[in-house]
Protein backbone atom coordinates (compact mmCIF):
# COMPACT_ATOMS: atom_id res chain seq x y z
CA MET A 1 52.47 130.56 90.26
CA ARG A 2 54.35 129.81 93.32
CA LEU A 3 57.23 131.87 94.41
CA LEU A 4 59.17 129.46 96.71
CA GLY A 5 61.79 130.65 99.12
CA GLU A 6 60.77 134.36 99.01
CA PRO A 7 60.00 136.13 102.25
CA VAL A 8 56.47 137.41 102.46
CA VAL A 9 57.90 140.96 103.03
CA ASP A 10 60.05 140.85 99.86
CA ILE A 11 56.98 139.59 97.83
CA ALA A 12 54.76 142.43 99.32
CA LEU A 13 57.27 145.06 98.55
CA MET A 14 58.02 143.71 95.19
CA LEU A 15 54.41 143.63 94.29
CA ASP A 16 53.74 147.16 95.60
CA HIS A 17 56.78 148.49 93.56
CA ALA A 18 55.60 146.80 90.33
CA LYS A 19 51.99 148.01 90.90
CA ARG A 20 53.21 151.66 91.39
CA GLU A 21 55.47 151.39 88.19
CA LEU A 22 52.59 149.91 86.23
CA GLU A 23 50.48 152.96 87.09
CA THR A 24 52.48 155.13 84.77
CA ARG A 25 54.38 152.56 82.54
CA SER A 26 53.59 149.47 80.61
CA ASP A 27 56.30 147.25 82.10
CA ALA A 28 58.25 146.93 85.36
CA ALA A 29 60.99 144.76 86.68
CA VAL A 30 61.73 143.93 90.27
CA GLU A 31 64.28 141.60 92.10
CA SER A 32 64.02 139.90 95.37
CA SER A 33 66.51 141.09 97.99
CA LEU A 34 67.16 137.47 99.42
CA THR A 35 67.55 135.44 96.10
CA GLN A 36 68.02 138.13 93.65
CA HIS A 37 65.43 136.47 91.35
CA ALA A 38 63.98 138.71 88.81
CA TYR A 39 60.22 139.26 88.22
CA SER A 40 59.03 140.97 84.97
CA PHE A 41 55.52 142.60 84.92
CA SER A 42 53.74 144.06 81.86
CA ARG A 43 50.34 145.68 81.68
CA GLU A 44 48.13 146.30 78.69
CA GLY A 45 44.82 147.96 79.68
CA THR A 46 43.53 145.93 82.60
CA ALA A 47 45.54 142.73 81.78
CA VAL A 48 48.78 142.31 83.66
CA SER A 49 51.33 139.48 82.90
CA LEU A 50 53.96 138.40 85.43
CA ALA A 51 56.97 136.24 84.41
CA THR A 52 59.61 134.80 86.43
CA GLU A 53 62.99 133.18 85.36
CA TRP A 54 63.37 130.95 88.54
CA PRO A 55 61.12 129.03 88.76
CA LEU A 56 60.34 129.63 84.91
CA ALA A 57 56.71 130.63 84.93
CA ARG A 58 54.19 133.07 83.65
CA ALA A 59 50.88 134.21 85.17
CA GLU A 60 48.06 136.40 83.78
CA LEU A 61 45.92 138.53 85.99
CA THR A 62 43.79 141.56 85.87
CA TRP A 63 44.84 145.04 87.19
CA PHE A 64 42.30 144.45 89.86
CA GLU A 65 43.62 141.37 90.98
CA LEU A 66 47.18 142.64 91.06
CA GLN A 67 45.80 145.41 93.32
CA GLN A 68 44.18 142.91 95.60
CA LEU A 69 47.13 140.55 95.69
CA THR A 70 49.38 143.37 96.69
CA ASP A 71 47.10 144.52 99.58
CA GLN A 72 46.83 140.97 100.65
CA ALA A 73 50.61 140.29 100.65
CA LYS A 74 51.27 143.54 102.54
CA ALA A 75 48.58 142.75 105.11
CA GLU A 76 50.01 139.17 105.64
CA ALA A 77 53.50 140.54 105.99
CA PHE A 78 52.25 142.98 108.66
CA ARG A 79 50.25 140.07 110.32
CA LEU A 80 53.30 137.72 110.28
CA ILE A 81 55.76 140.35 111.62
CA THR A 82 53.54 141.73 114.33
CA THR A 83 52.40 138.20 115.50
CA ALA A 84 56.16 137.32 116.09
CA HIS A 85 56.92 140.77 117.37
CA PRO A 86 53.77 142.42 118.76
CA GLU A 87 55.87 145.51 119.91
CA LEU A 88 56.22 146.38 116.20
CA ARG A 89 52.52 147.04 115.73
CA ASP A 90 53.02 150.79 116.16
CA ASN A 91 56.31 150.94 114.35
CA ALA A 92 56.04 153.98 112.00
CA TRP A 93 58.50 152.66 109.52
CA LEU A 94 56.69 149.26 109.25
CA ARG A 95 53.33 150.87 108.97
CA ASP A 96 54.57 153.32 106.20
CA THR A 97 56.43 150.58 104.28
CA VAL A 98 54.29 147.45 104.44
CA GLY A 99 51.22 149.18 105.79
CA ALA A 100 48.82 148.17 108.46
CA PRO A 101 45.86 146.23 107.35
CA SER A 102 42.71 148.39 106.90
CA THR A 103 40.17 148.19 109.68
CA ALA A 104 37.36 148.68 107.37
């Protein structure tokens, strides 16, 4: 599934929000801030479904894959932002929101 036109920070934060919702619920819906496209997630055990209305698409992944994808998106968002703006590497809000990549 390709989510064209969405900023990586939007994707990272949407994935993180959906993952947190799916920890206690069987479904979650998120919307991008730039395009207002809706993304629906549902979880049954370790299986997760992601559906989008635009582009019309559906993806199946495991809970573990969603966790990995979320971590990778957040790390990539942090990398892109701090590459363009190195002074933000120590920004507390950015670290708390997107999160710094692990050093392990």
